Amino acid sequence: MKEYAAYGHTEFIICAGYKQEYIKQWFANYFLQTSDVTFDYTHGKNEITIHQNHAEPWEVTVVDTGLNTMTGGRIKRIQKYVGKEPFKAGQSG
């Protein structure tokens, strides 16, 4: 994704099925994992302070396209996120 972003492609749709929860967790935690943070639990607080971060210029949509869905079905399930925009399907593996 970093290579695509270097060429100006920053919007991604991931057709997920098997173990999609791990993909979603990875993206949910990415900002936190790449930032300097302070966790303050003193005096009954539960605060997180972000000191320095490196956020990627990405917009990532992870879509549950089903466990056994074939390629055509996956494309159909992401149609509402693509709209009328042209797109190229990436290669897996």
PDB file of N, CA and C in Angstrom:
ATOM      1  N   MET A   1       0.823  -1.184   0.000  1.00  0.00           N
ATOM      2  CA  MET A   1       0.000   0.000   0.000  1.00  0.00           C
ATOM      3  C   MET A   1       0.870   1.252   0.000  1.00  0.00           C
ATOM      4  N   LYS A   2       2.024   1.176   0.657  1.00  0.00           N
ATOM      5  CA  LYS A   2       2.919   2.327   0.656  1.00  0.00           C
ATOM      6  C   LYS A   2       3.423   2.618  -0.760  1.00  0.00           C
ATOM      7  N   GLU A   3       3.689   1.582  -1.514  1.00  0.00           N
ATOM      8  CA  GLU A   3       4.140   1.796  -2.894  1.00  0.00           C
ATOM      9  C   GLU A   3       3.045   2.417  -3.750  1.00  0.00           C
ATOM     10  N   TYR A   4       1.823   1.929  -3.621  1.00  0.00           N
ATOM     11  CA  TYR A   4       0.707   2.521  -4.362  1.00  0.00           C
ATOM     12  C   TYR A   4       0.540   3.994  -3.970  1.00  0.00           C
ATOM     13  N   ALA A   5       0.632   4.284  -2.656  1.00  0.00           N
ATOM     14  CA  ALA A   5       0.471   5.660  -2.181  1.00  0.00           C
ATOM     15  C   ALA A   5       1.557   6.565  -2.742  1.00  0.00           C
ATOM     16  N   ALA A   6       2.762   6.035  -2.936  1.00  0.00           N
ATOM     17  CA  ALA A   6       3.850   6.825  -3.507  1.00  0.00           C
ATOM     18  C   ALA A   6       3.517   7.294  -4.921  1.00  0.00           C
ATOM     19  N   TYR A   7       2.627   6.579  -5.591  1.00  0.00           N
ATOM     20  CA  TYR A   7       2.198   6.946  -6.940  1.00  0.00           C
ATOM     21  C   TYR A   7       0.831   7.627  -6.950  1.00  0.00           C
ATOM     22  N   GLY A   8       0.350   8.005  -5.761  1.00  0.00           N
ATOM     23  CA  GLY A   8      -0.885   8.773  -5.678  1.00  0.00           C
ATOM     24  C   GLY A   8      -2.157   7.969  -5.472  1.00  0.00           C
ATOM     25  N   HIS A   9      -2.049   6.661  -5.324  1.00  0.00           N
ATOM     26  CA  HIS A   9      -3.230   5.823  -5.089  1.00  0.00           C
ATOM     27  C   HIS A   9      -3.345   5.575  -3.585  1.00  0.00           C
ATOM     28  N   THR A  10      -4.321   6.203  -2.955  1.00  0.00           N
ATOM     29  CA  THR A  10      -4.420   6.142  -1.497  1.00  0.00           C
ATOM     30  C   THR A  10      -5.742   5.596  -0.982  1.00  0.00           C
ATOM     31  N   GLU A  11      -6.647   5.226  -1.872  1.00  0.00           N
ATOM     32  CA  GLU A  11      -7.930   4.651  -1.451  1.00  0.00           C
ATOM     33  C   GLU A  11      -7.919   3.167  -1.785  1.00  0.00           C
ATOM     34  N   PHE A  12      -8.218   2.350  -0.783  1.00  0.00           N
ATOM     35  CA  PHE A  12      -8.143   0.907  -0.944  1.00  0.00           C
ATOM     36  C   PHE A  12      -9.414   0.242  -0.433  1.00  0.00           C
ATOM     37  N   ILE A  13      -9.807  -0.823  -1.101  1.00  0.00           N
ATOM     38  CA  ILE A  13     -10.901  -1.673  -0.636  1.00  0.00           C
ATOM     39  C   ILE A  13     -10.338  -3.083  -0.551  1.00  0.00           C
ATOM     40  N   ILE A  14     -10.468  -3.674   0.614  1.00  0.00           N
ATOM     41  CA  ILE A  14      -9.980  -5.036   0.822  1.00  0.00           C
ATOM     42  C   ILE A  14     -11.178  -5.960   0.916  1.00  0.00           C
ATOM     43  N   CYS A  15     -11.213  -6.940   0.019  1.00  0.00           N
ATOM     44  CA  CYS A  15     -12.260  -7.966   0.046  1.00  0.00           C
ATOM     45  C   CYS A  15     -11.803  -9.029   1.034  1.00  0.00           C
ATOM     46  N   ALA A  16     -12.447  -9.075   2.180  1.00  0.00           N
ATOM     47  CA  ALA A  16     -12.007  -9.964   3.245  1.00  0.00           C
ATOM     48  C   ALA A  16     -12.993 -11.106   3.440  1.00  0.00           C
ATOM     49  N   GLY A  17     -12.459 -12.196   3.870  1.00  0.00           N
ATOM     50  CA  GLY A  17     -13.269 -13.371   4.174  1.00  0.00           C
ATOM     51  C   GLY A  17     -12.686 -14.045   5.396  1.00  0.00           C
ATOM     52  N   TYR A  18     -11.895 -15.075   5.168  1.00  0.00           N
ATOM     53  CA  TYR A  18     -11.279 -15.852   6.241  1.00  0.00           C
ATOM     54  C   TYR A  18     -10.378 -14.972   7.099  1.00  0.00           C
ATOM     55  N   LYS A  19     -10.606 -15.008   8.389  1.00  0.00           N
ATOM     56  CA  LYS A  19      -9.838 -14.260   9.392  1.00  0.00           C
ATOM     57  C   LYS A  19      -9.814 -12.751   9.141  1.00  0.00           C
ATOM     58  N   GLN A  20     -10.901 -12.233   8.619  1.00  0.00           N
ATOM     59  CA  GLN A  20     -10.996 -10.801   8.364  1.00  0.00           C
ATOM     60  C   GLN A  20     -10.837  -9.971   9.627  1.00  0.00           C
ATOM     61  N   GLU A  21     -11.171 -10.539  10.770  1.00  0.00           N
ATOM     62  CA  GLU A  21     -11.056  -9.790  12.019  1.00  0.00           C
ATOM     63  C   GLU A  21      -9.611  -9.361  12.283  1.00  0.00           C
ATOM     64  N   TYR A  22      -8.643 -10.157  11.840  1.00  0.00           N
ATOM     65  CA  TYR A  22      -7.239  -9.799  12.029  1.00  0.00           C
ATOM     66  C   TYR A  22      -6.841  -8.623  11.138  1.00  0.00           C
ATOM     67  N   ILE A  23      -7.377  -8.593   9.953  1.00  0.00           N
ATOM     68  CA  ILE A  23      -7.109  -7.472   9.042  1.00  0.00           C
ATOM     69  C   ILE A  23      -7.702  -6.192   9.627  1.00  0.00           C
ATOM     70  N   LYS A  24      -8.922  -6.275  10.120  1.00  0.00           N
ATOM     71  CA  LYS A  24      -9.580  -5.107  10.709  1.00  0.00           C
ATOM     72  C   LYS A  24      -8.842  -4.631  11.957  1.00  0.00           C
ATOM     73  N   GLN A  25      -8.407  -5.571  12.804  1.00  0.00           N
ATOM     74  CA  GLN A  25      -7.662  -5.199  14.004  1.00  0.00           C
ATOM     75  C   GLN A  25      -6.343  -4.530  13.646  1.00  0.00           C
ATOM     76  N   TRP A  26      -5.670  -5.028  12.615  1.00  0.00           N
ATOM     77  CA  TRP A  26      -4.386  -4.455  12.211  1.00  0.00           C
ATOM     78  C   TRP A  26      -4.568  -2.991  11.819  1.00  0.00           C
ATOM     79  N   PHE A  27      -5.570  -2.715  11.000  1.00  0.00           N
ATOM     80  CA  PHE A  27      -5.810  -1.334  10.590  1.00  0.00           C
ATOM     81  C   PHE A  27      -6.314  -0.479  11.750  1.00  0.00           C
ATOM     82  N   ALA A  28      -7.128  -1.048  12.625  1.00  0.00           N
ATOM     83  CA  ALA A  28      -7.635  -0.296  13.774  1.00  0.00           C
ATOM     84  C   ALA A  28      -6.496   0.119  14.700  1.00  0.00           C
ATOM     85  N   ASN A  29      -5.460  -0.702  14.813  1.00  0.00           N
ATOM     86  CA  ASN A  29      -4.346  -0.431  15.713  1.00  0.00           C
ATOM     87  C   ASN A  29      -3.162   0.252  15.041  1.00  0.00           C
ATOM     88  N   TYR A  30      -3.189   0.395  13.727  1.00  0.00           N
ATOM     89  CA  TYR A  30      -2.032   0.895  12.991  1.00  0.00           C
ATOM     90  C   TYR A  30      -1.585   2.269  13.472  1.00  0.00           C
ATOM     91  N   PHE A  31      -2.499   3.197  13.615  1.00  0.00           N
ATOM     92  CA  PHE A  31      -2.165   4.558  14.052  1.00  0.00           C
ATOM     93  C   PHE A  31      -1.498   4.523  15.421  1.00  0.00           C
ATOM     94  N   LEU A  32      -2.078   3.777  16.342  1.00  0.00           N
ATOM     95  CA  LEU A  32      -1.531   3.685  17.694  1.00  0.00           C
ATOM     96  C   LEU A  32      -0.147   3.039  17.684  1.00  0.00           C
ATOM     97  N   GLN A  33       0.027   2.004  16.867  1.00  0.00           N
ATOM     98  CA  GLN A  33       1.296   1.283  16.821  1.00  0.00           C
ATOM     99  C   GLN A  33       2.417   2.099  16.200  1.00  0.00           C
ATOM    100  N   THR A  34       2.098   3.098  15.402  1.00  0.00           N
ATOM    101  CA  THR A  34       3.131   3.898  14.742  1.00  0.00           C
ATOM    102  C   THR A  34       3.289   5.279  15.383  1.00  0.00           C
ATOM    103  N   SER A  35       2.731   5.456  16.565  1.00  0.00           N
ATOM    104  CA  SER A  35       2.776   6.748  17.244  1.00  0.00           C
ATOM    105  C   SER A  35       3.504   6.634  18.580  1.00  0.00           C
ATOM    106  N   ASP A  36       4.046   7.764  19.060  1.00  0.00           N
ATOM    107  CA  ASP A  36       4.559   7.836  20.423  1.00  0.00           C
ATOM    108  C   ASP A  36       3.383   8.242  21.301  1.00  0.00           C
ATOM    109  N   VAL A  37       3.142   7.483  22.362  1.00  0.00           N
ATOM    110  CA  VAL A  37       1.955   7.722  23.183  1.00  0.00           C
ATOM    111  C   VAL A  37       2.290   7.681  24.670  1.00  0.00           C
ATOM    112  N   THR A  38       1.461   8.355  25.450  1.00  0.00           N
ATOM    113  CA  THR A  38       1.499   8.257  26.907  1.00  0.00           C
ATOM    114  C   THR A  38       0.131   7.771  27.365  1.00  0.00           C
ATOM    115  N   PHE A  39       0.131   6.750  28.211  1.00  0.00           N
ATOM    116  CA  PHE A  39      -1.094   6.254  28.835  1.00  0.00           C
ATOM    117  C   PHE A  39      -1.075   6.743  30.274  1.00  0.00           C
ATOM    118  N   ASP A  40      -2.033   7.550  30.651  1.00  0.00           N
ATOM    119  CA  ASP A  40      -2.079   8.143  31.986  1.00  0.00           C
ATOM    120  C   ASP A  40      -3.252   7.555  32.764  1.00  0.00           C
ATOM    121  N   TYR A  41      -2.904   6.740  33.757  1.00  0.00           N
ATOM    122  CA  TYR A  41      -3.921   6.112  34.601  1.00  0.00           C
ATOM    123  C   TYR A  41      -3.917   6.695  36.007  1.00  0.00           C
ATOM    124  N   THR A  42      -3.138   7.773  36.232  1.00  0.00           N
ATOM    125  CA  THR A  42      -3.047   8.358  37.564  1.00  0.00           C
ATOM    126  C   THR A  42      -4.347   9.051  37.941  1.00  0.00           C
ATOM    127  N   HIS A  43      -4.608   9.055  39.217  1.00  0.00           N
ATOM    128  CA  HIS A  43      -5.758   9.769  39.777  1.00  0.00           C
ATOM    129  C   HIS A  43      -7.069   9.354  39.108  1.00  0.00           C
ATOM    130  N   GLY A  44      -7.198   8.085  38.773  1.00  0.00           N
ATOM    131  CA  GLY A  44      -8.435   7.582  38.187  1.00  0.00           C
ATOM    132  C   GLY A  44      -8.632   7.949  36.726  1.00  0.00           C
ATOM    133  N   LYS A  45      -7.597   8.453  36.074  1.00  0.00           N
ATOM    134  CA  LYS A  45      -7.699   8.830  34.675  1.00  0.00           C
ATOM    135  C   LYS A  45      -7.565   7.606  33.781  1.00  0.00           C
ATOM    136  N   ASN A  46      -8.018   7.772  32.602  1.00  0.00           N
ATOM    137  CA  ASN A  46      -7.794   6.788  31.545  1.00  0.00           C
ATOM    138  C   ASN A  46      -7.617   7.595  30.258  1.00  0.00           C
ATOM    139  N   GLU A  47      -6.456   8.265  30.161  1.00  0.00           N
ATOM    140  CA  GLU A  47      -6.207   9.168  29.045  1.00  0.00           C
ATOM    141  C   GLU A  47      -5.047   8.675  28.196  1.00  0.00           C
ATOM    142  N   ILE A  48      -5.160   8.900  26.909  1.00  0.00           N
ATOM    143  CA  ILE A  48      -4.087   8.593  25.975  1.00  0.00           C
ATOM    144  C   ILE A  48      -3.694   9.898  25.304  1.00  0.00           C
ATOM    145  N   THR A  49      -2.403  10.203  25.329  1.00  0.00           N
ATOM    146  CA  THR A  49      -1.888  11.382  24.657  1.00  0.00           C
ATOM    147  C   THR A  49      -0.998  10.932  23.510  1.00  0.00           C
ATOM    148  N   ILE A  50      -1.299  11.396  22.316  1.00  0.00           N
ATOM    149  CA  ILE A  50      -0.487  11.113  21.148  1.00  0.00           C
ATOM    150  C   ILE A  50       0.548  12.229  21.030  1.00  0.00           C
ATOM    151  N   HIS A  51       1.829  11.876  21.107  1.00  0.00           N
ATOM    152  CA  HIS A  51       2.893  12.884  21.053  1.00  0.00           C
ATOM    153  C   HIS A  51       3.395  13.095  19.637  1.00  0.00           C
ATOM    154  N   GLN A  52       3.675  12.037  18.967  1.00  0.00           N
ATOM    155  CA  GLN A  52       4.203  12.121  17.620  1.00  0.00           C
ATOM    156  C   GLN A  52       3.640  10.933  16.864  1.00  0.00           C
ATOM    157  N   ASN A  53       3.198  11.193  15.661  1.00  0.00           N
ATOM    158  CA  ASN A  53       2.624  10.082  14.912  1.00  0.00           C
ATOM    159  C   ASN A  53       3.055  10.164  13.460  1.00  0.00           C
ATOM    160  N   HIS A  54       2.923   9.050  12.844  1.00  0.00           N
ATOM    161  CA  HIS A  54       3.155   8.974  11.407  1.00  0.00           C
ATOM    162  C   HIS A  54       1.920   8.306  10.812  1.00  0.00           C
ATOM    163  N   ALA A  55       1.024   9.114  10.301  1.00  0.00           N
ATOM    164  CA  ALA A  55      -0.202   8.579   9.715  1.00  0.00           C
ATOM    165  C   ALA A  55      -0.031   8.449   8.209  1.00  0.00           C
ATOM    166  N   GLU A  56      -0.417   7.328   7.692  1.00  0.00           N
ATOM    167  CA  GLU A  56      -0.374   7.114   6.247  1.00  0.00           C
ATOM    168  C   GLU A  56      -1.540   7.869   5.602  1.00  0.00           C
ATOM    169  N   PRO A  57      -1.400   8.281   4.365  1.00  0.00           N
ATOM    170  CA  PRO A  57      -2.475   9.013   3.696  1.00  0.00           C
ATOM    171  C   PRO A  57      -3.481   8.062   3.045  1.00  0.00           C
ATOM    172  N   TRP A  58      -3.872   7.056   3.773  1.00  0.00           N
ATOM    173  CA  TRP A  58      -4.724   6.003   3.216  1.00  0.00           C
ATOM    174  C   TRP A  58      -6.163   6.134   3.675  1.00  0.00           C
ATOM    175  N   GLU A  59      -7.059   5.708   2.805  1.00  0.00           N
ATOM    176  CA  GLU A  59      -8.447   5.437   3.189  1.00  0.00           C
ATOM    177  C   GLU A  59      -8.667   3.977   2.841  1.00  0.00           C
ATOM    178  N   VAL A  60      -8.895   3.172   3.874  1.00  0.00           N
ATOM    179  CA  VAL A  60      -8.994   1.724   3.683  1.00  0.00           C
ATOM    180  C   VAL A  60     -10.379   1.253   4.112  1.00  0.00           C
ATOM    181  N   THR A  61     -11.072   0.576   3.203  1.00  0.00           N
ATOM    182  CA  THR A  61     -12.362  -0.028   3.501  1.00  0.00           C
ATOM    183  C   THR A  61     -12.176  -1.534   3.465  1.00  0.00           C
ATOM    184  N   VAL A  62     -12.491  -2.190   4.580  1.00  0.00           N
ATOM    185  CA  VAL A  62     -12.401  -3.650   4.661  1.00  0.00           C
ATOM    186  C   VAL A  62     -13.827  -4.177   4.628  1.00  0.00           C
ATOM    187  N   VAL A  63     -14.130  -4.985   3.613  1.00  0.00           N
ATOM    188  CA  VAL A  63     -15.494  -5.457   3.396  1.00  0.00           C
ATOM    189  C   VAL A  63     -15.555  -6.970   3.598  1.00  0.00           C
ATOM    190  N   ASP A  64     -16.515  -7.413   4.401  1.00  0.00           N
ATOM    191  CA  ASP A  64     -16.743  -8.852   4.572  1.00  0.00           C
ATOM    192  C   ASP A  64     -17.428  -9.352   3.311  1.00  0.00           C
ATOM    193  N   THR A  65     -16.654 -10.003   2.454  1.00  0.00           N
ATOM    194  CA  THR A  65     -17.208 -10.506   1.199  1.00  0.00           C
ATOM    195  C   THR A  65     -17.503 -12.001   1.265  1.00  0.00           C
ATOM    196  N   GLY A  66     -17.387 -12.581   2.434  1.00  0.00           N
ATOM    197  CA  GLY A  66     -17.754 -13.976   2.610  1.00  0.00           C
ATOM    198  C   GLY A  66     -16.564 -14.919   2.545  1.00  0.00           C
ATOM    199  N   LEU A  67     -16.713 -16.018   3.221  1.00  0.00           N
ATOM    200  CA  LEU A  67     -15.639 -16.988   3.333  1.00  0.00           C
ATOM    201  C   LEU A  67     -15.364 -17.722   2.029  1.00  0.00           C
ATOM    202  N   ASN A  68     -16.401 -18.161   1.346  1.00  0.00           N
ATOM    203  CA  ASN A  68     -16.231 -18.980   0.143  1.00  0.00           C
ATOM    204  C   ASN A  68     -16.664 -18.276  -1.142  1.00  0.00           C
ATOM    205  N   THR A  69     -16.742 -16.955  -1.098  1.00  0.00           N
ATOM    206  CA  THR A  69     -17.210 -16.196  -2.253  1.00  0.00           C
ATOM    207  C   THR A  69     -16.142 -16.176  -3.344  1.00  0.00           C
ATOM    208  N   MET A  70     -16.570 -16.400  -4.571  1.00  0.00           N
ATOM    209  CA  MET A  70     -15.653 -16.361  -5.703  1.00  0.00           C
ATOM    210  C   MET A  70     -15.410 -14.899  -6.107  1.00  0.00           C
ATOM    211  N   THR A  71     -14.461 -14.667  -7.000  1.00  0.00           N
ATOM    212  CA  THR A  71     -14.042 -13.321  -7.371  1.00  0.00           C
ATOM    213  C   THR A  71     -15.204 -12.434  -7.826  1.00  0.00           C
ATOM    214  N   GLY A  72     -16.050 -12.927  -8.701  1.00  0.00           N
ATOM    215  CA  GLY A  72     -17.179 -12.133  -9.188  1.00  0.00           C
ATOM    216  C   GLY A  72     -18.107 -11.702  -8.068  1.00  0.00           C
ATOM    217  N   GLY A  73     -18.359 -12.596  -7.137  1.00  0.00           N
ATOM    218  CA  GLY A  73     -19.212 -12.280  -5.996  1.00  0.00           C
ATOM    219  C   GLY A  73     -18.578 -11.238  -5.092  1.00  0.00           C
ATOM    220  N   ARG A  74     -17.273 -11.312  -4.933  1.00  0.00           N
ATOM    221  CA  ARG A  74     -16.565 -10.319  -4.104  1.00  0.00           C
ATOM    222  C   ARG A  74     -16.660  -8.935  -4.747  1.00  0.00           C
ATOM    223  N   ILE A  75     -16.477  -8.889  -6.062  1.00  0.00           N
ATOM    224  CA  ILE A  75     -16.587  -7.604  -6.772  1.00  0.00           C
ATOM    225  C   ILE A  75     -17.995  -7.036  -6.617  1.00  0.00           C
ATOM    226  N   LYS A  76     -19.003  -7.876  -6.728  1.00  0.00           N
ATOM    227  CA  LYS A  76     -20.391  -7.432  -6.575  1.00  0.00           C
ATOM    228  C   LYS A  76     -20.623  -6.860  -5.172  1.00  0.00           C
ATOM    229  N   ARG A  77     -20.035  -7.491  -4.148  1.00  0.00           N
ATOM    230  CA  ARG A  77     -20.259  -7.043  -2.775  1.00  0.00           C
ATOM    231  C   ARG A  77     -19.571  -5.720  -2.444  1.00  0.00           C
ATOM    232  N   ILE A  78     -18.545  -5.347  -3.208  1.00  0.00           N
ATOM    233  CA  ILE A  78     -17.893  -4.060  -2.944  1.00  0.00           C
ATOM    234  C   ILE A  78     -18.416  -2.954  -3.845  1.00  0.00           C
ATOM    235  N   GLN A  79     -19.362  -3.271  -4.716  1.00  0.00           N
ATOM    236  CA  GLN A  79     -19.875  -2.312  -5.690  1.00  0.00           C
ATOM    237  C   GLN A  79     -20.338  -1.017  -5.042  1.00  0.00           C
ATOM    238  N   LYS A  80     -21.008  -1.098  -3.904  1.00  0.00           N
ATOM    239  CA  LYS A  80     -21.523   0.114  -3.267  1.00  0.00           C
ATOM    240  C   LYS A  80     -20.405   1.017  -2.753  1.00  0.00           C
ATOM    241  N   TYR A  81     -19.213   0.475  -2.544  1.00  0.00           N
ATOM    242  CA  TYR A  81     -18.078   1.278  -2.098  1.00  0.00           C
ATOM    243  C   TYR A  81     -17.293   1.858  -3.271  1.00  0.00           C
ATOM    244  N   VAL A  82     -17.397   1.230  -4.423  1.00  0.00           N
ATOM    245  CA  VAL A  82     -16.694   1.683  -5.615  1.00  0.00           C
ATOM    246  C   VAL A  82     -17.538   2.694  -6.372  1.00  0.00           C
ATOM    247  N   GLY A  83     -18.843   2.490  -6.397  1.00  0.00           N
ATOM    248  CA  GLY A  83     -19.730   3.371  -7.134  1.00  0.00           C
ATOM    249  C   GLY A  83     -19.477   3.254  -8.625  1.00  0.00           C
ATOM    250  N   LYS A  84     -19.379   4.365  -9.304  1.00  0.00           N
ATOM    251  CA  LYS A  84     -19.150   4.358 -10.752  1.00  0.00           C
ATOM    252  C   LYS A  84     -17.678   4.602 -11.089  1.00  0.00           C
ATOM    253  N   GLU A  85     -16.820   4.611 -10.077  1.00  0.00           N
ATOM    254  CA  GLU A  85     -15.398   4.829 -10.296  1.00  0.00           C
ATOM    255  C   GLU A  85     -14.771   3.598 -10.954  1.00  0.00           C
ATOM    256  N   PRO A  86     -13.869   3.816 -11.900  1.00  0.00           N
ATOM    257  CA  PRO A  86     -13.137   2.673 -12.467  1.00  0.00           C
ATOM    258  C   PRO A  86     -12.139   2.158 -11.435  1.00  0.00           C
ATOM    259  N   PHE A  87     -11.836   0.892 -11.479  1.00  0.00           N
ATOM    260  CA  PHE A  87     -10.872   0.333 -10.542  1.00  0.00           C
ATOM    261  C   PHE A  87     -10.185  -0.874 -11.165  1.00  0.00           C
ATOM    262  N   LYS A  88      -9.056  -1.206 -10.564  1.00  0.00           N
ATOM    263  CA  LYS A  88      -8.306  -2.393 -10.981  1.00  0.00           C
ATOM    264  C   LYS A  88      -8.260  -3.324  -9.785  1.00  0.00           C
ATOM    265  N   ALA A  89      -8.623  -4.551  -9.985  1.00  0.00           N
ATOM    266  CA  ALA A  89      -8.536  -5.529  -8.906  1.00  0.00           C
ATOM    267  C   ALA A  89      -7.074  -5.934  -8.728  1.00  0.00           C
ATOM    268  N   GLY A  90      -6.629  -5.976  -7.482  1.00  0.00           N
ATOM    269  CA  GLY A  90      -5.250  -6.388  -7.188  1.00  0.00           C
ATOM    270  C   GLY A  90      -5.114  -7.894  -7.253  1.00  0.00           C
ATOM    271  N   GLN A  91      -3.882  -8.335  -7.277  1.00  0.00           N
ATOM    272  CA  GLN A  91      -3.614  -9.762  -7.306  1.00  0.00           C
ATOM    273  C   GLN A  91      -3.358 -10.231  -5.885  1.00  0.00           C
ATOM    274  N   SER A  92      -3.821 -11.403  -5.571  1.00  0.00           N
ATOM    275  CA  SER A  92      -3.568 -11.965  -4.250  1.00  0.00           C
ATOM    276  C   SER A  92      -2.354 -12.866  -4.322  1.00  0.00           C
ATOM    277  N   GLY A  93      -1.821 -13.120  -3.147  1.00  0.00           N
ATOM    278  CA  GLY A  93      -0.707 -14.064  -3.070  1.00  0.00           C
ATOM    279  C   GLY A  93       0.532 -13.394  -2.958  1.00  0.00           C
TER     280      GLY A  93
END
